[in-house]
Amino acid sequence: MAFSKGHRLPLILFLLLCVNVLLAPAVQAAIPGTESRFSAYTITLLGLVTLCLCVYLFVVIFQPERF
């Protein structure tokens, strides 16, 4: 399944949001006290974005000829 560069971003955002929906309840259960569901989703999304940025930077550092 080949996607053009213009269609990759919406697909990546959709997959990121799907993973966020799956991980947010676990984050909400791990947070002590009573945090709102919005806070759990926000913390999970922040963690996923940080992980994606780390992977991207790792690839850029070790394969600079691709960029």
PDB file of N, CA and C in Angstrom:
ATOM      1  N   MET A   1       0.848  -1.165   0.000  1.00  0.00           N
ATOM      2  CA  MET A   1       0.000   0.000   0.000  1.00  0.00           C
ATOM      3  C   MET A   1       0.897   1.233   0.000  1.00  0.00           C
ATOM      4  N   ALA A   2       0.950   1.906  -1.112  1.00  0.00           N
ATOM      5  CA  ALA A   2       1.833   3.065  -1.255  1.00  0.00           C
ATOM      6  C   ALA A   2       1.027   4.343  -1.082  1.00  0.00           C
ATOM      7  N   PHE A   3       1.529   5.201  -0.235  1.00  0.00           N
ATOM      8  CA  PHE A   3       0.892   6.487  -0.005  1.00  0.00           C
ATOM      9  C   PHE A   3       1.801   7.582  -0.532  1.00  0.00           C
ATOM     10  N   SER A   4       1.200   8.592  -1.131  1.00  0.00           N
ATOM     11  CA  SER A   4       2.000   9.725  -1.557  1.00  0.00           C
ATOM     12  C   SER A   4       2.362  10.554  -0.336  1.00  0.00           C
ATOM     13  N   LYS A   5       3.318  11.449  -0.506  1.00  0.00           N
ATOM     14  CA  LYS A   5       3.748  12.266   0.630  1.00  0.00           C
ATOM     15  C   LYS A   5       2.610  13.118   1.191  1.00  0.00           C
ATOM     16  N   GLY A   6       1.700  13.552   0.346  1.00  0.00           N
ATOM     17  CA  GLY A   6       0.593  14.379   0.811  1.00  0.00           C
ATOM     18  C   GLY A   6      -0.404  13.627   1.658  1.00  0.00           C
ATOM     19  N   HIS A   7      -0.464  12.296   1.511  1.00  0.00           N
ATOM     20  CA  HIS A   7      -1.445  11.512   2.258  1.00  0.00           C
ATOM     21  C   HIS A   7      -0.858  10.847   3.488  1.00  0.00           C
ATOM     22  N   ARG A   8       0.431  10.982   3.707  1.00  0.00           N
ATOM     23  CA  ARG A   8       1.047  10.357   4.876  1.00  0.00           C
ATOM     24  C   ARG A   8       0.698  11.077   6.168  1.00  0.00           C
ATOM     25  N   LEU A   9       0.679  12.380   6.161  1.00  0.00           N
ATOM     26  CA  LEU A   9       0.429  13.140   7.384  1.00  0.00           C
ATOM     27  C   LEU A   9      -0.949  12.843   7.968  1.00  0.00           C
ATOM     28  N   PRO A  10      -2.025  12.872   7.185  1.00  0.00           N
ATOM     29  CA  PRO A  10      -3.316  12.528   7.782  1.00  0.00           C
ATOM     30  C   PRO A  10      -3.360  11.104   8.324  1.00  0.00           C
ATOM     31  N   LEU A  11      -2.706  10.175   7.646  1.00  0.00           N
ATOM     32  CA  LEU A  11      -2.679   8.799   8.129  1.00  0.00           C
ATOM     33  C   LEU A  11      -1.908   8.698   9.439  1.00  0.00           C
ATOM     34  N   ILE A  12      -0.785   9.376   9.525  1.00  0.00           N
ATOM     35  CA  ILE A  12       0.009   9.357  10.750  1.00  0.00           C
ATOM     36  C   ILE A  12      -0.762   9.995  11.899  1.00  0.00           C
ATOM     37  N   LEU A  13      -1.435  11.097  11.640  1.00  0.00           N
ATOM     38  CA  LEU A  13      -2.229  11.749  12.687  1.00  0.00           C
ATOM     39  C   LEU A  13      -3.370  10.849  13.143  1.00  0.00           C
ATOM     40  N   PHE A  14      -4.016  10.176  12.203  1.00  0.00           N
ATOM     41  CA  PHE A  14      -5.099   9.267  12.559  1.00  0.00           C
ATOM     42  C   PHE A  14      -4.588   8.124  13.424  1.00  0.00           C
ATOM     43  N   LEU A  15      -3.470   7.527  13.049  1.00  0.00           N
ATOM     44  CA  LEU A  15      -2.910   6.431  13.838  1.00  0.00           C
ATOM     45  C   LEU A  15      -2.458   6.902  15.217  1.00  0.00           C
ATOM     46  N   LEU A  16      -1.907   8.105  15.283  1.00  0.00           N
ATOM     47  CA  LEU A  16      -1.492   8.673  16.562  1.00  0.00           C
ATOM     48  C   LEU A  16      -2.688   8.878  17.487  1.00  0.00           C
ATOM     49  N   LEU A  17      -3.793   9.357  16.952  1.00  0.00           N
ATOM     50  CA  LEU A  17      -4.994   9.545  17.759  1.00  0.00           C
ATOM     51  C   LEU A  17      -5.594   8.209  18.190  1.00  0.00           C
ATOM     52  N   CYS A  18      -5.522   7.197  17.329  1.00  0.00           N
ATOM     53  CA  CYS A  18      -6.021   5.867  17.708  1.00  0.00           C
ATOM     54  C   CYS A  18      -5.202   5.278  18.855  1.00  0.00           C
ATOM     55  N   VAL A  19      -3.894   5.415  18.771  1.00  0.00           N
ATOM     56  CA  VAL A  19      -3.038   4.921  19.847  1.00  0.00           C
ATOM     57  C   VAL A  19      -3.307   5.717  21.125  1.00  0.00           C
ATOM     58  N   ASN A  20      -3.576   7.005  20.977  1.00  0.00           N
ATOM     59  CA  ASN A  20      -3.883   7.847  22.127  1.00  0.00           C
ATOM     60  C   ASN A  20      -5.149   7.362  22.821  1.00  0.00           C
ATOM     61  N   VAL A  21      -6.153   6.978  22.050  1.00  0.00           N
ATOM     62  CA  VAL A  21      -7.397   6.485  22.631  1.00  0.00           C
ATOM     63  C   VAL A  21      -7.151   5.182  23.391  1.00  0.00           C
ATOM     64  N   LEU A  22      -6.228   4.367  22.908  1.00  0.00           N
ATOM     65  CA  LEU A  22      -5.937   3.104  23.576  1.00  0.00           C
ATOM     66  C   LEU A  22      -5.097   3.295  24.842  1.00  0.00           C
ATOM     67  N   LEU A  23      -4.186   4.249  24.836  1.00  0.00           N
ATOM     68  CA  LEU A  23      -3.279   4.430  25.967  1.00  0.00           C
ATOM     69  C   LEU A  23      -3.795   5.372  27.051  1.00  0.00           C
ATOM     70  N   ALA A  24      -4.714   6.250  26.719  1.00  0.00           N
ATOM     71  CA  ALA A  24      -5.182   7.247  27.686  1.00  0.00           C
ATOM     72  C   ALA A  24      -5.811   6.631  28.939  1.00  0.00           C
ATOM     73  N   PRO A  25      -6.622   5.572  28.837  1.00  0.00           N
ATOM     74  CA  PRO A  25      -7.148   4.978  30.077  1.00  0.00           C
ATOM     75  C   PRO A  25      -6.059   4.430  30.995  1.00  0.00           C
ATOM     76  N   ALA A  26      -4.996   3.885  30.422  1.00  0.00           N
ATOM     77  CA  ALA A  26      -3.895   3.387  31.247  1.00  0.00           C
ATOM     78  C   ALA A  26      -3.192   4.542  31.949  1.00  0.00           C
ATOM     79  N   VAL A  27      -3.022   5.636  31.257  1.00  0.00           N
ATOM     80  CA  VAL A  27      -2.401   6.817  31.867  1.00  0.00           C
ATOM     81  C   VAL A  27      -3.292   7.369  32.971  1.00  0.00           C
ATOM     82  N   GLN A  28      -4.598   7.395  32.714  1.00  0.00           N
ATOM     83  CA  GLN A  28      -5.531   7.910  33.712  1.00  0.00           C
ATOM     84  C   GLN A  28      -5.531   7.020  34.954  1.00  0.00           C
ATOM     85  N   ALA A  29      -5.385   5.711  34.779  1.00  0.00           N
ATOM     86  CA  ALA A  29      -5.347   4.806  35.926  1.00  0.00           C
ATOM     87  C   ALA A  29      -4.040   4.947  36.707  1.00  0.00           C
ATOM     88  N   ALA A  30      -2.957   5.331  36.028  1.00  0.00           N
ATOM     89  CA  ALA A  30      -1.662   5.441  36.690  1.00  0.00           C
ATOM     90  C   ALA A  30      -1.479   6.761  37.434  1.00  0.00           C
ATOM     91  N   ILE A  31      -2.284   7.768  37.105  1.00  0.00           N
ATOM     92  CA  ILE A  31      -2.155   9.071  37.746  1.00  0.00           C
ATOM     93  C   ILE A  31      -2.843   9.028  39.103  1.00  0.00           C
ATOM     94  N   PRO A  32      -2.104   9.354  40.169  1.00  0.00           N
ATOM     95  CA  PRO A  32      -2.746   9.350  41.487  1.00  0.00           C
ATOM     96  C   PRO A  32      -3.713  10.523  41.627  1.00  0.00           C
ATOM     97  N   GLY A  33      -4.770  10.301  42.338  1.00  0.00           N
ATOM     98  CA  GLY A  33      -5.741  11.364  42.557  1.00  0.00           C
ATOM     99  C   GLY A  33      -6.795  11.374  41.473  1.00  0.00           C
ATOM    100  N   THR A  34      -7.525  12.452  41.438  1.00  0.00           N
ATOM    101  CA  THR A  34      -8.617  12.561  40.467  1.00  0.00           C
ATOM    102  C   THR A  34      -8.236  13.560  39.396  1.00  0.00           C
ATOM    103  N   GLU A  35      -7.770  13.057  38.294  1.00  0.00           N
ATOM    104  CA  GLU A  35      -7.455  13.891  37.138  1.00  0.00           C
ATOM    105  C   GLU A  35      -8.562  13.724  36.109  1.00  0.00           C
ATOM    106  N   SER A  36      -8.780  14.741  35.331  1.00  0.00           N
ATOM    107  CA  SER A  36      -9.828  14.666  34.330  1.00  0.00           C
ATOM    108  C   SER A  36      -9.395  13.799  33.162  1.00  0.00           C
ATOM    109  N   ARG A  37     -10.357  13.355  32.389  1.00  0.00           N
ATOM    110  CA  ARG A  37     -10.066  12.547  31.206  1.00  0.00           C
ATOM    111  C   ARG A  37      -9.274  13.369  30.197  1.00  0.00           C
ATOM    112  N   PHE A  38      -9.563  14.657  30.101  1.00  0.00           N
ATOM    113  CA  PHE A  38      -8.828  15.540  29.193  1.00  0.00           C
ATOM    114  C   PHE A  38      -7.346  15.569  29.541  1.00  0.00           C
ATOM    115  N   SER A  39      -7.031  15.611  30.825  1.00  0.00           N
ATOM    116  CA  SER A  39      -5.631  15.614  31.252  1.00  0.00           C
ATOM    117  C   SER A  39      -4.938  14.315  30.863  1.00  0.00           C
ATOM    118  N   ALA A  40      -5.628  13.194  31.007  1.00  0.00           N
ATOM    119  CA  ALA A  40      -5.038  11.909  30.638  1.00  0.00           C
ATOM    120  C   ALA A  40      -4.755  11.856  29.142  1.00  0.00           C
ATOM    121  N   TYR A  41      -5.695  12.315  28.327  1.00  0.00           N
ATOM    122  CA  TYR A  41      -5.485  12.332  26.884  1.00  0.00           C
ATOM    123  C   TYR A  41      -4.340  13.276  26.509  1.00  0.00           C
ATOM    124  N   THR A  42      -4.251  14.410  27.180  1.00  0.00           N
ATOM    125  CA  THR A  42      -3.202  15.372  26.886  1.00  0.00           C
ATOM    126  C   THR A  42      -1.825  14.821  27.253  1.00  0.00           C
ATOM    127  N   ILE A  43      -1.721  14.191  28.409  1.00  0.00           N
ATOM    128  CA  ILE A  43      -0.446  13.615  28.832  1.00  0.00           C
ATOM    129  C   ILE A  43      -0.032  12.497  27.887  1.00  0.00           C
ATOM    130  N   THR A  44      -0.987  11.653  27.490  1.00  0.00           N
ATOM    131  CA  THR A  44      -0.682  10.565  26.563  1.00  0.00           C
ATOM    132  C   THR A  44      -0.237  11.102  25.213  1.00  0.00           C
ATOM    133  N   LEU A  45      -0.927  12.106  24.701  1.00  0.00           N
ATOM    134  CA  LEU A  45      -0.562  12.699  23.420  1.00  0.00           C
ATOM    135  C   LEU A  45       0.830  13.330  23.484  1.00  0.00           C
ATOM    136  N   LEU A  46       1.132  13.992  24.576  1.00  0.00           N
ATOM    137  CA  LEU A  46       2.456  14.577  24.754  1.00  0.00           C
ATOM    138  C   LEU A  46       3.541  13.497  24.759  1.00  0.00           C
ATOM    139  N   GLY A  47       3.279  12.392  25.431  1.00  0.00           N
ATOM    140  CA  GLY A  47       4.236  11.287  25.446  1.00  0.00           C
ATOM    141  C   GLY A  47       4.436  10.683  24.064  1.00  0.00           C
ATOM    142  N   LEU A  48       3.347  10.526  23.301  1.00  0.00           N
ATOM    143  CA  LEU A  48       3.462   9.969  21.951  1.00  0.00           C
ATOM    144  C   LEU A  48       4.218  10.903  21.012  1.00  0.00           C
ATOM    145  N   VAL A  49       3.963  12.185  21.116  1.00  0.00           N
ATOM    146  CA  VAL A  49       4.677  13.152  20.276  1.00  0.00           C
ATOM    147  C   VAL A  49       6.159  13.161  20.625  1.00  0.00           C
ATOM    148  N   THR A  50       6.474  13.088  21.911  1.00  0.00           N
ATOM    149  CA  THR A  50       7.869  13.040  22.335  1.00  0.00           C
ATOM    150  C   THR A  50       8.559  11.785  21.807  1.00  0.00           C
ATOM    151  N   LEU A  51       7.877  10.648  21.872  1.00  0.00           N
ATOM    152  CA  LEU A  51       8.439   9.403  21.353  1.00  0.00           C
ATOM    153  C   LEU A  51       8.666   9.489  19.844  1.00  0.00           C
ATOM    154  N   CYS A  52       7.709  10.039  19.113  1.00  0.00           N
ATOM    155  CA  CYS A  52       7.865  10.191  17.657  1.00  0.00           C
ATOM    156  C   CYS A  52       9.027  11.122  17.318  1.00  0.00           C
ATOM    157  N   LEU A  53       9.170  12.188  18.060  1.00  0.00           N
ATOM    158  CA  LEU A  53      10.277  13.113  17.830  1.00  0.00           C
ATOM    159  C   LEU A  53      11.620  12.457  18.120  1.00  0.00           C
ATOM    160  N   CYS A  54      11.696  11.649  19.155  1.00  0.00           N
ATOM    161  CA  CYS A  54      12.943  10.932  19.467  1.00  0.00           C
ATOM    162  C   CYS A  54      13.310   9.966  18.354  1.00  0.00           C
ATOM    163  N   VAL A  55      12.340   9.232  17.846  1.00  0.00           N
ATOM    164  CA  VAL A  55      12.612   8.289  16.750  1.00  0.00           C
ATOM    165  C   VAL A  55      13.058   9.047  15.513  1.00  0.00           C
ATOM    166  N   TYR A  56      12.387  10.149  15.200  1.00  0.00           N
ATOM    167  CA  TYR A  56      12.751  10.953  14.027  1.00  0.00           C
ATOM    168  C   TYR A  56      14.185  11.481  14.151  1.00  0.00           C
ATOM    169  N   LEU A  57      14.525  12.033  15.291  1.00  0.00           N
ATOM    170  CA  LEU A  57      15.875  12.564  15.482  1.00  0.00           C
ATOM    171  C   LEU A  57      16.928  11.456  15.451  1.00  0.00           C
ATOM    172  N   PHE A  58      16.605  10.288  15.988  1.00  0.00           N
ATOM    173  CA  PHE A  58      17.518   9.157  15.920  1.00  0.00           C
ATOM    174  C   PHE A  58      17.801   8.786  14.467  1.00  0.00           C
ATOM    175  N   VAL A  59      16.767   8.741  13.636  1.00  0.00           N
ATOM    176  CA  VAL A  59      16.932   8.405  12.221  1.00  0.00           C
ATOM    177  C   VAL A  59      17.735   9.491  11.510  1.00  0.00           C
ATOM    178  N   VAL A  60      17.461  10.756  11.798  1.00  0.00           N
ATOM    179  CA  VAL A  60      18.175  11.859  11.142  1.00  0.00           C
ATOM    180  C   VAL A  60      19.648  11.849  11.514  1.00  0.00           C
ATOM    181  N   ILE A  61      19.970  11.520  12.761  1.00  0.00           N
ATOM    182  CA  ILE A  61      21.361  11.512  13.192  1.00  0.00           C
ATOM    183  C   ILE A  61      22.137  10.365  12.533  1.00  0.00           C
ATOM    184  N   PHE A  62      21.525   9.193  12.465  1.00  0.00           N
ATOM    185  CA  PHE A  62      22.245   8.027  11.962  1.00  0.00           C
ATOM    186  C   PHE A  62      22.086   7.767  10.470  1.00  0.00           C
ATOM    187  N   GLN A  63      21.164   8.437   9.807  1.00  0.00           N
ATOM    188  CA  GLN A  63      21.011   8.311   8.359  1.00  0.00           C
ATOM    189  C   GLN A  63      20.815   9.689   7.733  1.00  0.00           C
ATOM    190  N   PRO A  64      21.789  10.572   7.819  1.00  0.00           N
ATOM    191  CA  PRO A  64      21.601  11.936   7.323  1.00  0.00           C
ATOM    192  C   PRO A  64      21.487  12.015   5.797  1.00  0.00           C
ATOM    193  N   GLU A  65      21.976  11.015   5.082  1.00  0.00           N
ATOM    194  CA  GLU A  65      21.908  11.078   3.628  1.00  0.00           C
ATOM    195  C   GLU A  65      20.475  10.954   3.098  1.00  0.00           C
ATOM    196  N   ARG A  66      19.577  10.439   3.901  1.00  0.00           N
ATOM    197  CA  ARG A  66      18.178  10.334   3.479  1.00  0.00           C
ATOM    198  C   ARG A  66      17.490  11.700   3.478  1.00  0.00           C
ATOM    199  N   PHE A  67      18.054  12.655   4.214  1.00  0.00           N
ATOM    200  CA  PHE A  67      17.420  13.962   4.346  1.00  0.00           C
ATOM    201  C   PHE A  67      18.270  14.978   3.660  1.00  0.00           C
TER     202      PHE A  67
END
